[in-house]
Amino acid sequence: MALPAVVALLAMLLAAAAAGMTQLRIEEGARAGARALARGDSPAAVEGTVRTLAGGSASASVSADGEWLSVTVSDRVPGPLGSTIPWTLTARASARSETAGSGTAGGPVAGGSS
């Protein structure tokens, strides 16, 4: 009787670990994408950078608000529980454009969130 409960607990722990790893990958992809966008890379190059770091199944979108540029990355949690439960994770990073204005500001400011 205790074995099914142990198996279910193990499955949930593995799904949580997969979700944590996926979140870390997409946050790193979003940060790198925002830095690349701030340097003036094309949106296609930014998407390539994001896919390299976040994985081939991740999707990226780029937006601009004045001189602030944002990259939002989304991906589904892999594994059996991730495919049965619609579990999509998202990370967003923003950076100030280095190509706009006089360029007197320091480096880009980037950060990810879940």
C-alpha atoms as a PDB file:
ATOM      1  CA  MET A   1       0.000   0.000   0.000  1.00  0.00           C
ATOM      2  CA  ALA A   2       2.831   2.414   0.671  1.00  0.00           C
ATOM      3  CA  LEU A   3       4.601   1.717  -2.647  1.00  0.00           C
ATOM      4  CA  PRO A   4       2.110   3.663  -4.848  1.00  0.00           C
ATOM      5  CA  ALA A   5       2.412   6.665  -2.539  1.00  0.00           C
ATOM      6  CA  VAL A   6       6.221   6.515  -2.721  1.00  0.00           C
ATOM      7  CA  VAL A   7       6.113   6.260  -6.522  1.00  0.00           C
ATOM      8  CA  ALA A   8       3.704   9.212  -6.739  1.00  0.00           C
ATOM      9  CA  LEU A   9       5.909  11.278  -4.428  1.00  0.00           C
ATOM     10  CA  LEU A  10       8.996  10.430  -6.461  1.00  0.00           C
ATOM     11  CA  ALA A  11       7.203  11.386  -9.698  1.00  0.00           C
ATOM     12  CA  MET A  12       6.220  14.758  -8.216  1.00  0.00           C
ATOM     13  CA  LEU A  13       9.751  15.404  -6.972  1.00  0.00           C
ATOM     14  CA  LEU A  14      11.206  14.601 -10.384  1.00  0.00           C
ATOM     15  CA  ALA A  15       8.648  16.881 -12.067  1.00  0.00           C
ATOM     16  CA  ALA A  16       9.544  19.690  -9.657  1.00  0.00           C
ATOM     17  CA  ALA A  17      13.251  19.198 -10.404  1.00  0.00           C
ATOM     18  CA  ALA A  18      12.543  19.294 -14.151  1.00  0.00           C
ATOM     19  CA  ALA A  19      10.521  22.478 -13.673  1.00  0.00           C
ATOM     20  CA  GLY A  20      13.351  24.079 -11.706  1.00  0.00           C
ATOM     21  CA  MET A  21      15.939  23.215 -14.340  1.00  0.00           C
ATOM     22  CA  THR A  22      13.667  24.479 -17.112  1.00  0.00           C
ATOM     23  CA  GLN A  23      13.119  27.758 -15.265  1.00  0.00           C
ATOM     24  CA  LEU A  24      16.871  28.246 -14.843  1.00  0.00           C
ATOM     25  CA  ARG A  25      17.470  27.570 -18.546  1.00  0.00           C
ATOM     26  CA  ILE A  26      14.809  29.992 -19.758  1.00  0.00           C
ATOM     27  CA  GLU A  27      15.946  32.715 -17.328  1.00  0.00           C
ATOM     28  CA  GLU A  28      19.508  32.406 -18.636  1.00  0.00           C
ATOM     29  CA  GLY A  29      18.204  32.464 -22.204  1.00  0.00           C
ATOM     30  CA  ALA A  30      16.142  35.585 -21.520  1.00  0.00           C
ATOM     31  CA  ARG A  31      19.107  37.392 -19.926  1.00  0.00           C
ATOM     32  CA  ALA A  32      21.441  36.504 -22.794  1.00  0.00           C
ATOM     33  CA  GLY A  33      18.788  37.479 -25.331  1.00  0.00           C
ATOM     34  CA  ALA A  34      18.241  40.867 -23.680  1.00  0.00           C
ATOM     35  CA  ARG A  35      22.002  41.535 -23.640  1.00  0.00           C
ATOM     36  CA  ALA A  36      22.291  40.579 -27.324  1.00  0.00           C
ATOM     37  CA  LEU A  37      19.305  42.756 -28.219  1.00  0.00           C
ATOM     38  CA  ALA A  38      20.780  45.698 -26.312  1.00  0.00           C
ATOM     39  CA  ARG A  39      24.020  45.336 -28.302  1.00  0.00           C
ATOM     40  CA  GLY A  40      22.022  45.686 -31.490  1.00  0.00           C
ATOM     41  CA  ASP A  41      21.755  42.049 -32.621  1.00  0.00           C
ATOM     42  CA  SER A  42      18.852  41.222 -34.928  1.00  0.00           C
ATOM     43  CA  PRO A  43      15.739  39.539 -33.491  1.00  0.00           C
ATOM     44  CA  ALA A  44      16.631  36.370 -35.444  1.00  0.00           C
ATOM     45  CA  ALA A  45      20.098  36.292 -33.848  1.00  0.00           C
ATOM     46  CA  VAL A  46      18.525  36.901 -30.427  1.00  0.00           C
ATOM     47  CA  GLU A  47      16.149  33.990 -30.963  1.00  0.00           C
ATOM     48  CA  GLY A  48      19.098  31.795 -31.929  1.00  0.00           C
ATOM     49  CA  THR A  49      20.916  32.792 -28.742  1.00  0.00           C
ATOM     50  CA  VAL A  50      17.830  32.075 -26.656  1.00  0.00           C
ATOM     51  CA  ARG A  51      17.277  28.663 -28.262  1.00  0.00           C
ATOM     52  CA  THR A  52      20.921  27.740 -27.718  1.00  0.00           C
ATOM     53  CA  LEU A  53      20.692  28.445 -23.992  1.00  0.00           C
ATOM     54  CA  ALA A  54      17.045  27.703 -23.219  1.00  0.00           C
ATOM     55  CA  GLY A  55      16.582  24.696 -25.494  1.00  0.00           C
ATOM     56  CA  GLY A  56      15.063  24.064 -28.882  1.00  0.00           C
ATOM     57  CA  SER A  57      11.492  23.897 -27.600  1.00  0.00           C
ATOM     58  CA  ALA A  58      11.631  27.356 -25.986  1.00  0.00           C
ATOM     59  CA  SER A  59       9.861  30.252 -27.666  1.00  0.00           C
ATOM     60  CA  ALA A  60      11.070  33.841 -27.467  1.00  0.00           C
ATOM     61  CA  SER A  61       9.390  37.165 -28.089  1.00  0.00           C
ATOM     62  CA  VAL A  62      11.037  40.571 -28.299  1.00  0.00           C
ATOM     63  CA  SER A  63       9.462  43.896 -27.356  1.00  0.00           C
ATOM     64  CA  ALA A  64      10.622  47.494 -26.999  1.00  0.00           C
ATOM     65  CA  ASP A  65       9.427  50.308 -24.747  1.00  0.00           C
ATOM     66  CA  GLY A  66      11.406  53.414 -25.582  1.00  0.00           C
ATOM     67  CA  GLU A  67      15.063  52.593 -25.107  1.00  0.00           C
ATOM     68  CA  TRP A  68      14.275  49.537 -22.956  1.00  0.00           C
ATOM     69  CA  LEU A  69      14.237  46.216 -24.771  1.00  0.00           C
ATOM     70  CA  SER A  70      12.668  43.045 -23.365  1.00  0.00           C
ATOM     71  CA  VAL A  71      12.915  39.381 -24.193  1.00  0.00           C
ATOM     72  CA  THR A  72      10.284  36.957 -22.915  1.00  0.00           C
ATOM     73  CA  VAL A  73      11.028  33.236 -23.088  1.00  0.00           C
ATOM     74  CA  SER A  74       8.493  30.446 -22.505  1.00  0.00           C
ATOM     75  CA  ASP A  75       8.819  26.690 -22.432  1.00  0.00           C
ATOM     76  CA  ARG A  76       6.850  23.694 -21.217  1.00  0.00           C
ATOM     77  CA  VAL A  77       8.082  21.466 -18.429  1.00  0.00           C
ATOM     78  CA  PRO A  78       9.471  18.238 -19.938  1.00  0.00           C
ATOM     79  CA  GLY A  79       8.684  14.732 -18.783  1.00  0.00           C
ATOM     80  CA  PRO A  80       5.558  12.638 -18.308  1.00  0.00           C
ATOM     81  CA  LEU A  81       3.924  14.938 -15.753  1.00  0.00           C
ATOM     82  CA  GLY A  82       4.873  18.026 -17.740  1.00  0.00           C
ATOM     83  CA  SER A  83       3.119  16.666 -20.818  1.00  0.00           C
ATOM     84  CA  THR A  84      -0.059  15.670 -18.958  1.00  0.00           C
ATOM     85  CA  ILE A  85      -0.301  18.914 -16.976  1.00  0.00           C
ATOM     86  CA  PRO A  86      -0.261  22.115 -19.066  1.00  0.00           C
ATOM     87  CA  TRP A  87       2.728  23.543 -17.188  1.00  0.00           C
ATOM     88  CA  THR A  88       4.344  26.438 -19.058  1.00  0.00           C
ATOM     89  CA  LEU A  89       7.102  28.503 -17.475  1.00  0.00           C
ATOM     90  CA  THR A  90       8.017  32.050 -18.486  1.00  0.00           C
ATOM     91  CA  ALA A  91      11.003  34.325 -17.872  1.00  0.00           C
ATOM     92  CA  ARG A  92      11.453  37.943 -18.903  1.00  0.00           C
ATOM     93  CA  ALA A  93      14.585  40.072 -19.015  1.00  0.00           C
ATOM     94  CA  SER A  94      15.006  43.735 -19.940  1.00  0.00           C
ATOM     95  CA  ALA A  95      18.024  45.764 -20.975  1.00  0.00           C
ATOM     96  CA  ARG A  96      18.573  49.340 -21.984  1.00  0.00           C
ATOM     97  CA  SER A  97      19.616  49.736 -25.593  1.00  0.00           C
ATOM     98  CA  GLU A  98      23.326  50.429 -25.974  1.00  0.00           C
ATOM     99  CA  THR A  99      22.835  51.723 -29.508  1.00  0.00           C
ATOM    100  CA  ALA A 100      20.269  54.413 -28.619  1.00  0.00           C
ATOM    101  CA  GLY A 101      21.152  57.858 -27.326  1.00  0.00           C
ATOM    102  CA  SER A 102      24.638  58.990 -26.426  1.00  0.00           C
ATOM    103  CA  GLY A 103      25.643  55.701 -24.816  1.00  0.00           C
ATOM    104  CA  THR A 104      26.747  57.394 -21.583  1.00  0.00           C
ATOM    105  CA  ALA A 105      24.968  54.883 -19.396  1.00  0.00           C
ATOM    106  CA  GLY A 106      26.894  51.930 -17.972  1.00  0.00           C
ATOM    107  CA  GLY A 107      26.242  48.442 -19.260  1.00  0.00           C
ATOM    108  CA  PRO A 108      22.865  46.864 -19.779  1.00  0.00           C
ATOM    109  CA  VAL A 109      20.716  46.064 -16.795  1.00  0.00           C
ATOM    110  CA  ALA A 110      19.206  42.600 -17.136  1.00  0.00           C
ATOM    111  CA  GLY A 111      17.222  40.397 -14.821  1.00  0.00           C
ATOM    112  CA  GLY A 112      14.955  37.373 -15.084  1.00  0.00           C
ATOM    113  CA  SER A 113      11.809  36.481 -13.240  1.00  0.00           C
ATOM    114  CA  SER A 114       9.387  33.649 -13.151  1.00  0.00           C
END
